[in-house]
Amino acid sequence: MRPKKVILCVDDNEQDLSVRKFMLSTNNYRVLPASNGAEAIEIFSQEQVDLVLADFNMPKMNGVQLIDKLKQIAAHVPMVLMAENQQLSSEPHRADAVLNKKSCSPQELLERIKTMSARKRGPRKGTHRVSAPPQDLAAAS
C-alpha cells in the first residue's frame, strides 16, 4: 500500500479548515491542519509535506506571505492558494496555483491536488536501462 500524501492545510476559519480536512481525509490524504501562518511554518519545518493548501485571508500573515516564507524553506513543494479574485489583483505571489475560493468545487479542488501532489516516478528499482554507444549502433547497421 502506498503511503498517503501529506497536505498542510492552513485556514484561520475553523469551519472551512474542518470541512477541507474532512474532504481530504476521506480521499486518502493525511492532513496537517494549521490555523495561522506561524503554526503552518512550524509544522512545515518539522514534517515531510507533499502539498500546501493555504487560504489567502488570514490575520497577521496572509496566504501570499505564508507561501513566500514556505517557498524559502522548500521551493519544490507545490502550493495552492485559495483566494477571491479581487484579493489577488494587487499582490504578486509565488503560489503554484490559485483557486477561486467561491467558485471552486470540491471535485475541482481534489483533482488539482491530485495532479499537483503526484510524485514523478523514475525507473523501478532493480531495472536497468541499457543503451548502446553510438558507434556500436553504426557498426550493427
Protein backbone atom coordinates (compact mmCIF):
# COMPACT_ATOMS: atom_id res chain seq x y z
CA MET A 1 0.00 0.00 0.00
CA ARG A 2 1.36 3.42 -0.98
CA PRO A 3 1.88 5.94 1.81
CA LYS A 4 -0.66 8.70 1.99
CA LYS A 5 0.24 12.10 0.57
CA VAL A 6 0.62 14.71 3.28
CA ILE A 7 -1.18 18.03 2.85
CA LEU A 8 -0.61 21.05 5.06
CA CYS A 9 -3.97 22.82 5.13
CA VAL A 10 -3.92 26.38 6.52
CA ASP A 11 -7.01 28.45 7.29
CA ASP A 12 -7.94 30.67 10.24
CA ASN A 13 -11.64 29.88 9.73
CA GLU A 14 -12.20 26.79 11.87
CA GLN A 15 -15.26 25.65 9.90
CA ASP A 16 -13.54 25.92 6.48
CA LEU A 17 -10.46 24.13 7.85
CA SER A 18 -12.63 21.34 9.28
CA VAL A 19 -14.52 20.88 6.00
CA ARG A 20 -11.30 20.72 3.94
CA LYS A 21 -9.68 18.36 6.43
CA PHE A 22 -12.69 16.01 6.26
CA MET A 23 -12.83 16.16 2.46
CA LEU A 24 -9.12 15.44 2.07
CA SER A 25 -9.01 12.75 4.77
CA THR A 26 -11.89 10.85 3.19
CA ASN A 27 -9.97 10.93 -0.11
CA ASN A 28 -6.92 9.19 1.36
CA TYR A 29 -4.76 12.20 2.21
CA ARG A 30 -3.06 12.77 5.55
CA VAL A 31 -3.97 16.31 6.60
CA LEU A 32 -1.90 18.53 8.88
CA PRO A 33 -4.20 21.40 9.89
CA ALA A 34 -2.89 24.83 10.88
CA SER A 35 -4.95 27.83 11.90
CA ASN A 36 -2.34 30.52 11.21
CA GLY A 37 0.91 31.22 9.40
CA ALA A 38 3.24 30.75 12.37
CA GLU A 39 1.73 27.36 13.18
CA ALA A 40 1.98 26.36 9.50
CA ILE A 41 5.68 27.29 9.32
CA GLU A 42 6.40 25.25 12.44
CA ILE A 43 4.60 22.18 11.06
CA PHE A 44 6.19 22.61 7.62
CA SER A 45 9.66 22.72 9.18
CA GLN A 46 9.09 19.51 11.15
CA GLU A 47 7.07 17.32 8.76
CA GLN A 48 7.53 15.96 5.26
CA VAL A 49 4.79 17.77 3.33
CA ASP A 50 3.72 16.90 -0.23
CA LEU A 51 1.48 19.94 -0.83
CA VAL A 52 0.35 23.13 0.91
CA LEU A 53 -3.21 24.42 0.67
CA ALA A 54 -3.45 27.93 2.14
CA ASP A 55 -6.24 30.43 2.49
CA PHE A 56 -5.43 33.98 1.37
CA ASN A 57 -7.33 35.87 4.06
CA MET A 58 -5.68 35.27 7.45
CA PRO A 59 -4.68 37.70 10.21
CA LYS A 60 -1.03 38.67 10.88
CA MET A 61 0.30 36.69 7.88
CA ASN A 62 -1.89 36.26 4.79
CA GLY A 63 -1.62 33.31 2.40
CA VAL A 64 0.71 35.12 -0.01
CA GLN A 65 3.17 35.96 2.78
CA LEU A 66 2.95 32.41 4.15
CA ILE A 67 3.64 30.82 0.77
CA ASP A 68 6.58 33.16 0.24
CA LYS A 69 8.13 32.02 3.55
CA LEU A 70 7.44 28.33 2.86
CA LYS A 71 8.96 28.59 -0.64
CA GLN A 72 12.14 29.89 1.00
CA ILE A 73 12.26 26.69 3.09
CA ALA A 74 11.34 24.24 0.31
CA ALA A 75 10.69 25.70 -3.14
CA HIS A 76 9.93 22.31 -4.70
CA VAL A 77 6.76 21.69 -2.66
CA PRO A 78 3.62 22.61 -4.64
CA MET A 79 1.49 25.29 -3.02
CA VAL A 80 -2.12 26.19 -3.73
CA LEU A 81 -3.64 29.49 -2.67
CA MET A 82 -7.39 29.74 -2.08
CA ALA A 83 -8.50 33.33 -2.71
CA GLU A 84 -11.16 35.52 -4.16
CA ASN A 85 -10.35 37.27 -7.44
CA GLN A 86 -10.25 40.81 -6.04
CA GLN A 87 -7.74 39.74 -3.35
CA LEU A 88 -5.07 38.78 -5.85
CA SER A 89 -5.25 41.74 -8.19
CA SER A 90 -2.87 43.82 -6.08
CA GLU A 91 -0.34 41.29 -4.73
CA PRO A 92 2.29 39.27 -6.59
CA HIS A 93 2.55 35.71 -5.33
CA ARG A 94 4.70 32.58 -5.58
CA ALA A 95 1.85 30.06 -5.39
CA ASP A 96 1.93 27.25 -7.95
CA ALA A 97 -1.83 27.51 -8.40
CA VAL A 98 -4.57 29.89 -7.33
CA LEU A 99 -8.13 28.69 -6.97
CA ASN A 100 -11.14 30.90 -6.54
CA LYS A 101 -12.48 30.16 -3.09
CA LYS A 102 -16.10 30.88 -4.03
CA SER A 103 -16.38 29.15 -7.39
CA CYS A 104 -14.02 26.17 -6.96
CA SER A 105 -15.98 22.96 -6.49
CA PRO A 106 -14.74 20.26 -4.12
CA GLN A 107 -14.26 17.98 -7.14
CA GLU A 108 -12.10 20.58 -8.90
CA LEU A 109 -10.04 21.13 -5.74
CA LEU A 110 -9.46 17.39 -5.32
CA GLU A 111 -8.47 16.99 -8.96
CA ARG A 112 -5.98 19.88 -8.74
CA ILE A 113 -4.50 18.48 -5.52
CA LYS A 114 -4.22 15.01 -7.04
CA THR A 115 -2.39 16.39 -10.08
CA MET A 116 -0.08 18.67 -8.14
CA SER A 117 0.84 16.20 -5.40
CA ALA A 118 1.70 13.36 -7.79
CA ARG A 119 5.35 12.48 -7.47
CA LYS A 120 7.38 11.93 -10.58
CA ARG A 121 8.47 8.35 -10.63
CA GLY A 122 11.71 7.13 -12.12
CA PRO A 123 12.53 3.60 -13.23
CA ARG A 124 11.59 0.79 -10.88
CA LYS A 125 14.24 -0.49 -8.53
CA GLY A 126 16.16 -3.40 -9.99
CA THR A 127 15.62 -2.41 -13.61
CA HIS A 128 18.47 -1.12 -15.69
CA ARG A 129 18.23 0.86 -18.86
CA VAL A 130 20.75 -0.38 -21.38
CA SER A 131 21.75 1.89 -24.21
CA ALA A 132 24.39 1.08 -26.77
CA PRO A 133 27.06 3.66 -27.55
CA PRO A 134 26.50 5.39 -30.93
CA GLN A 135 29.49 3.66 -32.62
CA ASP A 136 28.07 0.23 -31.78
CA LEU A 137 24.77 1.17 -33.42
CA ALA A 138 26.52 2.31 -36.59
CA ALA A 139 28.54 -0.92 -36.81
CA ALA A 140 25.44 -3.04 -36.40
CA SER A 141 23.70 -1.49 -39.43
